[in-house]
Amino acid sequence: MTAVPTSVPGPAVPSSLRRLTVARWAGIYPTITALLLLLGPALIGHLPTPLISLLLTALLVPLTQYVVFPLIERLSAARVRFPVLHGPARHRTALVVWAVTYPLITLVLLIMLPLLAGRVPIPVLTLIVTLIAVPVQSLVLLPRILPLARPWIQGSTPRRTE
């Protein structure tokens, strides 16, 4: 006689907000550090901070959303689950994340670069920036903005009738 499973596995449930925040930081910190180590000497001191932030976030958000976060899920043996959407909804979510990340990172860099650039190594600079920005993004901004953007993300925006 075969044993009947008592529970049927359902869809993967995203991790708690705190766990996701730690996992996001674990992916973002090394990624932004690598980007700044590669690009920082050509950017910092040569371009205005908002343009530096634009370039970095334009690289960072797709890298983390499509490569780093799925890698973290695999490496954690699924102990960390990021919310995953497919098709256009996934790309729209990435765009909303970028729209939150860009002004936040710009603000943090405008404050921190004059204080730290050239005084601390890039890994220390990115450590400080990410320890400020990632929790603000993950715990404060995204939980408020993503629900507002959900109709657009899911492609169910109301159509205007004329």
N, C-alpha and C. Protein backbone atom coordinates (compact mmCIF):
# COMPACT_ATOMS: atom_id res chain seq x y z
N MET A 1 0.84 -1.18 0.00
CA MET A 1 0.00 0.00 0.00
C MET A 1 0.89 1.25 0.00
N THR A 2 0.52 2.22 -0.79
CA THR A 2 1.31 3.45 -0.87
C THR A 2 0.79 4.48 0.12
N ALA A 3 1.75 5.19 0.67
CA ALA A 3 1.38 6.24 1.62
C ALA A 3 0.83 7.44 0.86
N VAL A 4 -0.25 7.97 1.37
CA VAL A 4 -0.86 9.15 0.76
C VAL A 4 -0.31 10.38 1.47
N PRO A 5 0.21 11.35 0.71
CA PRO A 5 0.75 12.53 1.38
C PRO A 5 -0.35 13.27 2.13
N THR A 6 0.01 13.75 3.32
CA THR A 6 -0.97 14.46 4.13
C THR A 6 -1.11 15.91 3.71
N SER A 7 -0.12 16.43 3.02
CA SER A 7 -0.25 17.81 2.53
C SER A 7 0.29 17.88 1.12
N VAL A 8 -0.33 18.68 0.34
CA VAL A 8 0.08 18.87 -1.03
C VAL A 8 0.87 20.17 -1.11
N PRO A 9 2.08 20.11 -1.67
CA PRO A 9 2.85 21.35 -1.75
C PRO A 9 2.12 22.37 -2.63
N GLY A 10 2.03 23.57 -2.12
CA GLY A 10 1.39 24.65 -2.86
C GLY A 10 2.43 25.54 -3.49
N PRO A 11 2.00 26.66 -3.99
CA PRO A 11 2.96 27.59 -4.56
C PRO A 11 3.91 28.12 -3.50
N ALA A 12 5.11 28.43 -3.92
CA ALA A 12 6.10 28.95 -2.98
C ALA A 12 5.61 30.25 -2.36
N VAL A 13 5.68 30.31 -1.05
CA VAL A 13 5.25 31.50 -0.33
C VAL A 13 6.46 32.39 -0.10
N PRO A 14 6.36 33.68 -0.43
CA PRO A 14 7.50 34.57 -0.19
C PRO A 14 7.89 34.60 1.29
N SER A 15 9.14 34.85 1.53
CA SER A 15 9.67 34.92 2.90
C SER A 15 9.12 36.16 3.61
N SER A 16 9.34 36.19 4.93
CA SER A 16 8.91 37.33 5.72
C SER A 16 9.64 38.59 5.25
N LEU A 17 9.07 39.73 5.59
CA LEU A 17 9.65 41.00 5.16
C LEU A 17 11.06 41.19 5.71
N ARG A 18 11.29 40.78 6.95
CA ARG A 18 12.64 40.90 7.53
C ARG A 18 13.64 40.01 6.82
N ARG A 19 13.23 38.77 6.58
CA ARG A 19 14.12 37.83 5.89
C ARG A 19 14.42 38.33 4.47
N LEU A 20 13.40 38.84 3.80
CA LEU A 20 13.62 39.40 2.46
C LEU A 20 14.56 40.59 2.49
N THR A 21 14.43 41.43 3.50
CA THR A 21 15.30 42.60 3.63
C THR A 21 16.76 42.16 3.78
N VAL A 22 17.00 41.19 4.64
CA VAL A 22 18.37 40.68 4.83
C VAL A 22 18.87 40.04 3.54
N ALA A 23 18.02 39.27 2.88
CA ALA A 23 18.43 38.63 1.63
C ALA A 23 18.68 39.67 0.53
N ARG A 24 17.84 40.70 0.47
CA ARG A 24 18.08 41.77 -0.51
C ARG A 24 19.41 42.45 -0.25
N TRP A 25 19.67 42.75 1.03
CA TRP A 25 20.94 43.39 1.36
C TRP A 25 22.10 42.48 0.98
N ALA A 26 21.97 41.17 1.26
CA ALA A 26 23.03 40.21 0.95
C ALA A 26 23.30 40.13 -0.55
N GLY A 27 22.31 40.44 -1.36
CA GLY A 27 22.52 40.47 -2.80
C GLY A 27 22.96 41.82 -3.32
N ILE A 28 22.41 42.87 -2.74
CA ILE A 28 22.69 44.22 -3.23
C ILE A 28 24.10 44.68 -2.83
N TYR A 29 24.50 44.42 -1.60
CA TYR A 29 25.80 44.92 -1.13
C TYR A 29 26.96 44.45 -2.01
N PRO A 30 27.13 43.15 -2.26
CA PRO A 30 28.27 42.76 -3.10
C PRO A 30 28.12 43.22 -4.56
N THR A 31 26.88 43.30 -5.03
CA THR A 31 26.67 43.71 -6.42
C THR A 31 27.03 45.18 -6.61
N ILE A 32 26.55 46.04 -5.73
CA ILE A 32 26.87 47.47 -5.86
C ILE A 32 28.34 47.73 -5.56
N THR A 33 28.92 46.96 -4.65
CA THR A 33 30.34 47.10 -4.36
C THR A 33 31.16 46.75 -5.60
N ALA A 34 30.82 45.66 -6.25
CA ALA A 34 31.53 45.27 -7.48
C ALA A 34 31.36 46.33 -8.57
N LEU A 35 30.13 46.84 -8.73
CA LEU A 35 29.89 47.88 -9.74
C LEU A 35 30.72 49.13 -9.44
N LEU A 36 30.76 49.52 -8.17
CA LEU A 36 31.52 50.72 -7.82
C LEU A 36 33.03 50.49 -7.93
N LEU A 37 33.49 49.30 -7.61
CA LEU A 37 34.92 49.03 -7.77
C LEU A 37 35.31 49.08 -9.24
N LEU A 38 34.41 48.62 -10.10
CA LEU A 38 34.68 48.64 -11.54
C LEU A 38 34.49 50.03 -12.16
N LEU A 39 33.40 50.69 -11.78
CA LEU A 39 33.02 51.94 -12.44
C LEU A 39 33.30 53.19 -11.62
N GLY A 40 33.44 53.04 -10.31
CA GLY A 40 33.60 54.18 -9.42
C GLY A 40 34.69 55.15 -9.80
N PRO A 41 35.90 54.66 -10.11
CA PRO A 41 36.96 55.60 -10.47
C PRO A 41 36.63 56.47 -11.69
N ALA A 42 35.84 55.95 -12.60
CA ALA A 42 35.46 56.74 -13.77
C ALA A 42 34.26 57.63 -13.50
N LEU A 43 33.51 57.34 -12.43
CA LEU A 43 32.27 58.08 -12.16
C LEU A 43 32.42 59.11 -11.05
N ILE A 44 32.90 58.65 -9.88
CA ILE A 44 32.94 59.52 -8.70
C ILE A 44 33.95 60.64 -8.91
N GLY A 45 33.48 61.85 -8.75
CA GLY A 45 34.32 63.03 -8.95
C GLY A 45 34.33 63.54 -10.38
N HIS A 46 33.76 62.74 -11.30
CA HIS A 46 33.74 63.14 -12.71
C HIS A 46 32.34 63.45 -13.21
N LEU A 47 31.35 62.87 -12.56
CA LEU A 47 29.96 63.07 -12.96
C LEU A 47 29.15 63.54 -11.75
N PRO A 48 28.07 64.26 -12.00
CA PRO A 48 27.21 64.65 -10.88
C PRO A 48 26.58 63.42 -10.21
N THR A 49 26.37 63.50 -8.92
CA THR A 49 25.84 62.38 -8.14
C THR A 49 24.53 61.83 -8.71
N PRO A 50 23.57 62.66 -9.13
CA PRO A 50 22.34 62.07 -9.69
C PRO A 50 22.60 61.21 -10.93
N LEU A 51 23.58 61.60 -11.75
CA LEU A 51 23.91 60.80 -12.93
C LEU A 51 24.61 59.50 -12.53
N ILE A 52 25.49 59.57 -11.54
CA ILE A 52 26.14 58.36 -11.03
C ILE A 52 25.07 57.41 -10.51
N SER A 53 24.15 57.93 -9.74
CA SER A 53 23.07 57.12 -9.18
C SER A 53 22.21 56.51 -10.28
N LEU A 54 21.91 57.28 -11.30
CA LEU A 54 21.12 56.79 -12.43
C LEU A 54 21.81 55.62 -13.11
N LEU A 55 23.09 55.78 -13.40
CA LEU A 55 23.85 54.71 -14.06
C LEU A 55 23.94 53.46 -13.19
N LEU A 56 24.25 53.67 -11.92
CA LEU A 56 24.40 52.51 -11.04
C LEU A 56 23.08 51.77 -10.81
N THR A 57 22.01 52.51 -10.58
CA THR A 57 20.72 51.83 -10.35
C THR A 57 20.19 51.19 -11.63
N ALA A 58 20.50 51.78 -12.78
CA ALA A 58 20.08 51.18 -14.05
C ALA A 58 20.77 49.83 -14.27
N LEU A 59 21.94 49.66 -13.71
CA LEU A 59 22.64 48.37 -13.78
C LEU A 59 22.25 47.46 -12.61
N LEU A 60 22.15 48.05 -11.43
CA LEU A 60 21.93 47.28 -10.21
C LEU A 60 20.57 46.59 -10.17
N VAL A 61 19.52 47.31 -10.48
CA VAL A 61 18.17 46.73 -10.33
C VAL A 61 17.96 45.52 -11.23
N PRO A 62 18.26 45.60 -12.53
CA PRO A 62 18.08 44.38 -13.34
C PRO A 62 19.01 43.23 -12.90
N LEU A 63 20.25 43.56 -12.55
CA LEU A 63 21.17 42.51 -12.09
C LEU A 63 20.62 41.78 -10.86
N THR A 64 20.13 42.55 -9.90
CA THR A 64 19.64 41.91 -8.68
C THR A 64 18.31 41.20 -8.92
N GLN A 65 17.40 41.83 -9.64
CA GLN A 65 16.07 41.25 -9.84
C GLN A 65 16.11 39.96 -10.66
N TYR A 66 16.94 39.93 -11.70
CA TYR A 66 16.93 38.80 -12.63
C TYR A 66 18.05 37.79 -12.44
N VAL A 67 19.12 38.17 -11.74
CA VAL A 67 20.26 37.26 -11.59
C VAL A 67 20.56 36.97 -10.12
N VAL A 68 20.82 38.01 -9.33
CA VAL A 68 21.31 37.83 -7.97
C VAL A 68 20.24 37.23 -7.04
N PHE A 69 19.04 37.78 -7.05
CA PHE A 69 18.01 37.27 -6.14
C PHE A 69 17.63 35.81 -6.46
N PRO A 70 17.46 35.43 -7.73
CA PRO A 70 17.23 34.00 -7.99
C PRO A 70 18.40 33.12 -7.54
N LEU A 71 19.62 33.63 -7.65
CA LEU A 71 20.78 32.89 -7.18
C LEU A 71 20.75 32.72 -5.65
N ILE A 72 20.35 33.77 -4.95
CA ILE A 72 20.22 33.68 -3.49
C ILE A 72 19.18 32.63 -3.11
N GLU A 73 18.07 32.58 -3.83
CA GLU A 73 17.06 31.55 -3.56
C GLU A 73 17.65 30.16 -3.71
N ARG A 74 18.38 29.94 -4.81
CA ARG A 74 18.97 28.62 -5.03
C ARG A 74 20.01 28.28 -3.98
N LEU A 75 20.89 29.24 -3.66
CA LEU A 75 21.95 28.99 -2.68
C LEU A 75 21.41 28.79 -1.27
N SER A 76 20.27 29.39 -0.98
CA SER A 76 19.69 29.25 0.37
C SER A 76 18.82 28.00 0.48
N ALA A 77 18.82 27.17 -0.55
CA ALA A 77 17.98 25.97 -0.58
C ALA A 77 16.52 26.34 -0.32
N ALA A 78 16.11 27.45 -0.91
CA ALA A 78 14.72 27.94 -0.84
C ALA A 78 14.30 28.40 0.55
N ARG A 79 15.26 28.64 1.44
CA ARG A 79 14.90 29.22 2.75
C ARG A 79 14.50 30.69 2.56
N VAL A 80 14.96 31.27 1.46
CA VAL A 80 14.56 32.63 1.11
C VAL A 80 13.78 32.53 -0.19
N ARG A 81 12.60 33.12 -0.17
CA ARG A 81 11.73 33.15 -1.35
C ARG A 81 11.36 34.59 -1.66
N PHE A 82 11.79 35.07 -2.80
CA PHE A 82 11.39 36.40 -3.25
C PHE A 82 10.06 36.28 -3.98
N PRO A 83 9.20 37.28 -3.85
CA PRO A 83 7.96 37.24 -4.64
C PRO A 83 8.33 37.25 -6.12
N VAL A 84 7.74 36.34 -6.86
CA VAL A 84 8.09 36.23 -8.28
C VAL A 84 6.84 36.38 -9.13
N LEU A 85 6.93 37.23 -10.09
CA LEU A 85 5.90 37.38 -11.10
C LEU A 85 6.53 36.99 -12.43
N HIS A 86 5.70 36.71 -13.40
CA HIS A 86 6.22 36.30 -14.70
C HIS A 86 5.72 37.24 -15.78
N GLY A 87 6.44 37.25 -16.89
CA GLY A 87 6.04 38.05 -18.04
C GLY A 87 6.14 39.54 -17.76
N PRO A 88 5.23 40.31 -18.35
CA PRO A 88 5.28 41.77 -18.19
C PRO A 88 5.20 42.22 -16.74
N ALA A 89 4.49 41.49 -15.89
CA ALA A 89 4.37 41.89 -14.48
C ALA A 89 5.74 41.89 -13.80
N ARG A 90 6.59 40.95 -14.16
CA ARG A 90 7.94 40.89 -13.57
C ARG A 90 8.75 42.12 -13.98
N HIS A 91 8.66 42.49 -15.24
CA HIS A 91 9.40 43.65 -15.74
C HIS A 91 8.84 44.95 -15.16
N ARG A 92 7.54 45.02 -15.03
CA ARG A 92 6.92 46.22 -14.44
C ARG A 92 7.30 46.36 -12.98
N THR A 93 7.37 45.24 -12.27
CA THR A 93 7.80 45.28 -10.87
C THR A 93 9.23 45.80 -10.79
N ALA A 94 10.10 45.30 -11.66
CA ALA A 94 11.50 45.78 -11.68
C ALA A 94 11.54 47.28 -11.95
N LEU A 95 10.68 47.76 -12.82
CA LEU A 95 10.64 49.19 -13.11
C LEU A 95 10.19 49.99 -11.89
N VAL A 96 9.19 49.50 -11.17
CA VAL A 96 8.74 50.17 -9.95
C VAL A 96 9.85 50.16 -8.90
N VAL A 97 10.53 49.02 -8.76
CA VAL A 97 11.65 48.94 -7.81
C VAL A 97 12.72 49.96 -8.19
N TRP A 98 13.03 50.06 -9.48
CA TRP A 98 14.01 51.06 -9.91
C TRP A 98 13.51 52.47 -9.61
N ALA A 99 12.23 52.75 -9.84
CA ALA A 99 11.68 54.08 -9.59
C ALA A 99 11.73 54.45 -8.11
N VAL A 100 11.74 53.46 -7.24
CA VAL A 100 11.89 53.71 -5.80
C VAL A 100 13.38 53.83 -5.45
N THR A 101 14.18 52.97 -6.05
CA THR A 101 15.61 52.89 -5.72
C THR A 101 16.37 54.12 -6.17
N TYR A 102 16.12 54.59 -7.39
CA TYR A 102 16.91 55.70 -7.93
C TYR A 102 16.86 56.95 -7.05
N PRO A 103 15.68 57.48 -6.70
CA PRO A 103 15.69 58.69 -5.85
C PRO A 103 16.24 58.42 -4.45
N LEU A 104 15.98 57.22 -3.92
CA LEU A 104 16.50 56.90 -2.59
C LEU A 104 18.03 56.87 -2.59
N ILE A 105 18.60 56.16 -3.55
CA ILE A 105 20.07 56.08 -3.63
C ILE A 105 20.66 57.44 -3.92
N THR A 106 20.01 58.21 -4.77
CA THR A 106 20.51 59.56 -5.07
C THR A 106 20.57 60.39 -3.80
N LEU A 107 19.52 60.36 -3.01
CA LEU A 107 19.49 61.12 -1.76
C LEU A 107 20.59 60.66 -0.80
N VAL A 108 20.70 59.34 -0.63
CA VAL A 108 21.71 58.81 0.29
C VAL A 108 23.11 59.17 -0.21
N LEU A 109 23.35 59.07 -1.51
CA LEU A 109 24.67 59.42 -2.04
C LEU A 109 24.96 60.91 -1.92
N LEU A 110 23.94 61.75 -2.15
CA LEU A 110 24.15 63.20 -2.00
C LEU A 110 24.57 63.55 -0.58
N ILE A 111 24.08 62.79 0.38
CA ILE A 111 24.46 63.03 1.77
C ILE A 111 25.81 62.40 2.10
N MET A 112 26.02 61.15 1.66
CA MET A 112 27.18 60.39 2.11
C MET A 112 28.46 60.65 1.30
N LEU A 113 28.35 60.88 -0.01
CA LEU A 113 29.57 61.05 -0.81
C LEU A 113 30.44 62.21 -0.33
N PRO A 114 29.86 63.40 -0.05
CA PRO A 114 30.73 64.47 0.44
C PRO A 114 31.42 64.13 1.76
N LEU A 115 30.78 63.30 2.56
CA LEU A 115 31.36 62.94 3.86
C LEU A 115 32.40 61.82 3.74
N LEU A 116 32.20 60.90 2.81
CA LEU A 116 33.00 59.67 2.82
C LEU A 116 33.88 59.45 1.59
N ALA A 117 33.52 60.01 0.44
CA ALA A 117 34.28 59.72 -0.79
C ALA A 117 35.75 60.12 -0.61
N GLY A 118 36.62 59.18 -0.92
CA GLY A 118 38.05 59.43 -0.79
C GLY A 118 38.58 59.25 0.62
N ARG A 119 37.69 59.14 1.60
CA ARG A 119 38.10 58.97 3.01
C ARG A 119 38.01 57.52 3.46
N VAL A 120 37.12 56.78 2.83
CA VAL A 120 36.96 55.37 3.18
C VAL A 120 37.00 54.55 1.88
N PRO A 121 37.40 53.30 1.97
CA PRO A 121 37.40 52.45 0.77
C PRO A 121 35.97 52.24 0.25
N ILE A 122 35.85 51.95 -1.03
CA ILE A 122 34.54 51.75 -1.65
C ILE A 122 33.71 50.68 -0.93
N PRO A 123 34.27 49.55 -0.52
CA PRO A 123 33.42 48.58 0.20
C PRO A 123 32.81 49.15 1.49
N VAL A 124 33.52 50.02 2.17
CA VAL A 124 32.98 50.64 3.38
C VAL A 124 31.88 51.65 3.00
N LEU A 125 32.12 52.41 1.96
CA LEU A 125 31.11 53.36 1.48
C LEU A 125 29.83 52.63 1.09
N THR A 126 29.95 51.55 0.31
CA THR A 126 28.75 50.82 -0.10
C THR A 126 28.10 50.11 1.09
N LEU A 127 28.89 49.68 2.05
CA LEU A 127 28.32 49.09 3.26
C LEU A 127 27.42 50.09 3.97
N ILE A 128 27.91 51.30 4.16
CA ILE A 128 27.13 52.33 4.84
C ILE A 128 25.89 52.70 4.04
N VAL A 129 26.06 52.90 2.73
CA VAL A 129 24.93 53.29 1.88
C VAL A 129 23.87 52.19 1.87
N THR A 130 24.30 50.94 1.71
CA THR A 130 23.30 49.86 1.64
C THR A 130 22.65 49.58 2.99
N LEU A 131 23.39 49.78 4.07
CA LEU A 131 22.77 49.58 5.39
C LEU A 131 21.71 50.65 5.68
N ILE A 132 21.80 51.77 5.00
CA ILE A 132 20.76 52.80 5.13
C ILE A 132 19.64 52.55 4.12
N ALA A 133 20.02 52.39 2.86
CA ALA A 133 19.04 52.37 1.77
C ALA A 133 18.21 51.09 1.70
N VAL A 134 18.81 49.94 1.89
CA VAL A 134 18.06 48.69 1.71
C VAL A 134 16.92 48.56 2.72
N PRO A 135 17.16 48.79 4.02
CA PRO A 135 16.01 48.71 4.94
C PRO A 135 14.93 49.76 4.65
N VAL A 136 15.33 50.97 4.29
CA VAL A 136 14.33 52.00 3.96
C VAL A 136 13.52 51.56 2.75
N GLN A 137 14.21 51.03 1.74
CA GLN A 137 13.51 50.58 0.54
C GLN A 137 12.60 49.39 0.85
N SER A 138 13.14 48.38 1.53
CA SER A 138 12.41 47.13 1.74
C SER A 138 11.33 47.19 2.80
N LEU A 139 11.59 47.95 3.86
CA LEU A 139 10.66 47.96 4.98
C LEU A 139 9.69 49.14 4.97
N VAL A 140 10.06 50.22 4.29
CA VAL A 140 9.23 51.42 4.33
C VAL A 140 8.62 51.73 2.96
N LEU A 141 9.45 51.90 1.95
CA LEU A 141 8.96 52.40 0.66
C LEU A 141 8.22 51.35 -0.18
N LEU A 142 8.86 50.22 -0.45
CA LEU A 142 8.23 49.22 -1.31
C LEU A 142 6.91 48.68 -0.76
N PRO A 143 6.80 48.42 0.55
CA PRO A 143 5.49 47.96 1.04
C PRO A 143 4.37 48.98 0.86
N ARG A 144 4.70 50.24 0.72
CA ARG A 144 3.68 51.26 0.50
C ARG A 144 3.42 51.52 -0.98
N ILE A 145 4.46 51.42 -1.79
CA ILE A 145 4.33 51.77 -3.21
C ILE A 145 3.86 50.60 -4.07
N LEU A 146 4.36 49.39 -3.81
CA LEU A 146 3.96 48.25 -4.64
C LEU A 146 2.45 48.00 -4.62
N PRO A 147 1.76 48.09 -3.48
CA PRO A 147 0.31 47.91 -3.54
C PRO A 147 -0.39 48.97 -4.39
N LEU A 148 0.13 50.19 -4.35
CA LEU A 148 -0.46 51.24 -5.19
C LEU A 148 -0.24 50.98 -6.68
N ALA A 149 0.90 50.35 -6.99
CA ALA A 149 1.24 50.07 -8.38
C ALA A 149 0.69 48.72 -8.87
N ARG A 150 0.12 47.93 -7.96
CA ARG A 150 -0.33 46.58 -8.31
C ARG A 150 -1.24 46.52 -9.53
N PRO A 151 -2.24 47.40 -9.67
CA PRO A 151 -3.08 47.31 -10.88
C PRO A 151 -2.27 47.47 -12.16
N TRP A 152 -1.34 48.40 -12.18
CA TRP A 152 -0.51 48.58 -13.37
C TRP A 152 0.44 47.40 -13.56
N ILE A 153 1.03 46.92 -12.47
CA ILE A 153 1.96 45.78 -12.56
C ILE A 153 1.24 44.57 -13.14
N GLN A 154 0.03 44.32 -12.69
CA GLN A 154 -0.71 43.15 -13.14
C GLN A 154 -1.45 43.39 -14.46
N GLY A 155 -1.35 44.60 -14.98
CA GLY A 155 -1.97 44.90 -16.25
C GLY A 155 -3.47 45.04 -16.19
N SER A 156 -3.98 45.37 -15.02
CA SER A 156 -5.43 45.48 -14.87
C SER A 156 -5.85 46.92 -14.59
N THR A 157 -5.17 47.87 -15.20
CA THR A 157 -5.56 49.25 -15.00
C THR A 157 -6.91 49.48 -15.64
N PRO A 158 -7.76 50.24 -14.99
CA PRO A 158 -9.08 50.50 -15.55
C PRO A 158 -8.98 51.25 -16.88
N ARG A 159 -9.81 50.86 -17.81
CA ARG A 159 -9.80 51.54 -19.10
C ARG A 159 -10.76 52.70 -19.09
N ARG A 160 -10.31 53.76 -19.71
CA ARG A 160 -11.17 54.96 -19.80
C ARG A 160 -12.24 54.75 -20.85
N THR A 161 -13.42 55.17 -20.52
CA THR A 161 -14.50 55.12 -21.49
C THR A 161 -14.81 56.54 -21.91
N GLU A 162 -14.99 56.70 -23.18
CA GLU A 162 -15.26 58.06 -23.66
C GLU A 162 -16.60 58.13 -24.31
